[in-house]
């Protein structure tokens, strides 16, 4: 029946939204951050650029 079509669109929207949220949460919390050790941080060289306009 055509009267039930908005409910189907709402269910599809909710499923899509929940899938998107779960995917984003899993990607956010499954990222493993490895901090730089202190011995490696001393070897970093920075190039300082002095712009003269």
C-alpha atoms as a PDB file:
ATOM      1  CA  UNK A   1       0.000   0.000   0.000  1.00  0.00           C
ATOM      2  CA  UNK A   2       1.360   3.478  -0.836  1.00  0.00           C
ATOM      3  CA  UNK A   3       0.502   4.841   2.606  1.00  0.00           C
ATOM      4  CA  UNK A   4       3.238   2.675   4.162  1.00  0.00           C
ATOM      5  CA  UNK A   5       6.041   3.979   1.926  1.00  0.00           C
ATOM      6  CA  UNK A   6       7.243   6.733   4.334  1.00  0.00           C
ATOM      7  CA  UNK A   7       7.777   4.118   7.053  1.00  0.00           C
ATOM      8  CA  UNK A   8       9.972   2.070   4.708  1.00  0.00           C
ATOM      9  CA  UNK A   9      12.024   5.167   3.819  1.00  0.00           C
ATOM     10  CA  UNK A  10      12.382   5.964   7.505  1.00  0.00           C
ATOM     11  CA  UNK A  11      13.593   2.436   8.269  1.00  0.00           C
ATOM     12  CA  UNK A  12      16.091   2.593   5.416  1.00  0.00           C
ATOM     13  CA  UNK A  13      17.345   5.962   6.655  1.00  0.00           C
ATOM     14  CA  UNK A  14      17.757   4.630  10.200  1.00  0.00           C
ATOM     15  CA  UNK A  15      19.617   1.542   9.001  1.00  0.00           C
ATOM     16  CA  UNK A  16      21.912   3.662   6.838  1.00  0.00           C
ATOM     17  CA  UNK A  17      22.538   6.126   9.685  1.00  0.00           C
ATOM     18  CA  UNK A  18      23.308   3.383  12.199  1.00  0.00           C
ATOM     19  CA  UNK A  19      25.631   1.641   9.739  1.00  0.00           C
ATOM     20  CA  UNK A  20      27.455   4.899   9.089  1.00  0.00           C
ATOM     21  CA  UNK A  21      27.796   5.629  12.807  1.00  0.00           C
ATOM     22  CA  UNK A  22      29.067   2.123  13.600  1.00  0.00           C
ATOM     23  CA  UNK A  23      31.556   2.282  10.742  1.00  0.00           C
ATOM     24  CA  UNK A  24      32.879   5.669  11.936  1.00  0.00           C
ATOM     25  CA  UNK A  25      33.105   4.554  15.562  1.00  0.00           C
ATOM     26  CA  UNK A  26      34.981   1.393  14.630  1.00  0.00           C
ATOM     27  CA  UNK A  27      37.408   3.335  12.449  1.00  0.00           C
ATOM     28  CA  UNK A  28      37.987   5.879  15.205  1.00  0.00           C
ATOM     29  CA  UNK A  29      38.632   3.404  18.008  1.00  0.00           C
ATOM     30  CA  UNK A  30      40.548   0.794  15.979  1.00  0.00           C
ATOM     31  CA  UNK A  31      43.338   3.200  15.054  1.00  0.00           C
ATOM     32  CA  UNK A  32      46.488   2.344  17.004  1.00  0.00           C
ATOM     33  CA  UNK A  33      48.614   5.387  17.735  1.00  0.00           C
ATOM     34  CA  UNK A  34      52.285   4.673  18.373  1.00  0.00           C
ATOM     35  CA  UNK A  35      53.938   7.635  20.083  1.00  0.00           C
ATOM     36  CA  UNK A  36      57.396   8.717  18.962  1.00  0.00           C
ATOM     37  CA  UNK A  37      60.131   7.625  21.325  1.00  0.00           C
ATOM     38  CA  UNK A  38      62.358  10.285  22.865  1.00  0.00           C
ATOM     39  CA  UNK A  39      65.461   9.055  21.031  1.00  0.00           C
ATOM     40  CA  UNK A  40      63.700   9.410  17.691  1.00  0.00           C
ATOM     41  CA  UNK A  41      62.295  12.831  18.488  1.00  0.00           C
ATOM     42  CA  UNK A  42      65.786  14.292  18.893  1.00  0.00           C
ATOM     43  CA  UNK A  43      66.695  13.367  15.329  1.00  0.00           C
ATOM     44  CA  UNK A  44      63.914  15.418  13.768  1.00  0.00           C
ATOM     45  CA  UNK A  45      65.217  18.428  11.866  1.00  0.00           C
ATOM     46  CA  UNK A  46      62.992  21.403  11.202  1.00  0.00           C
ATOM     47  CA  UNK A  47      63.474  23.624   8.192  1.00  0.00           C
ATOM     48  CA  UNK A  48      62.714  27.165   9.218  1.00  0.00           C
ATOM     49  CA  UNK A  49      61.764  29.363   6.321  1.00  0.00           C
ATOM     50  CA  UNK A  50      61.996  33.096   6.782  1.00  0.00           C
ATOM     51  CA  UNK A  51      59.748  34.738   4.240  1.00  0.00           C
ATOM     52  CA  UNK A  52      60.895  38.174   3.133  1.00  0.00           C
ATOM     53  CA  UNK A  53      58.044  39.976   1.430  1.00  0.00           C
END
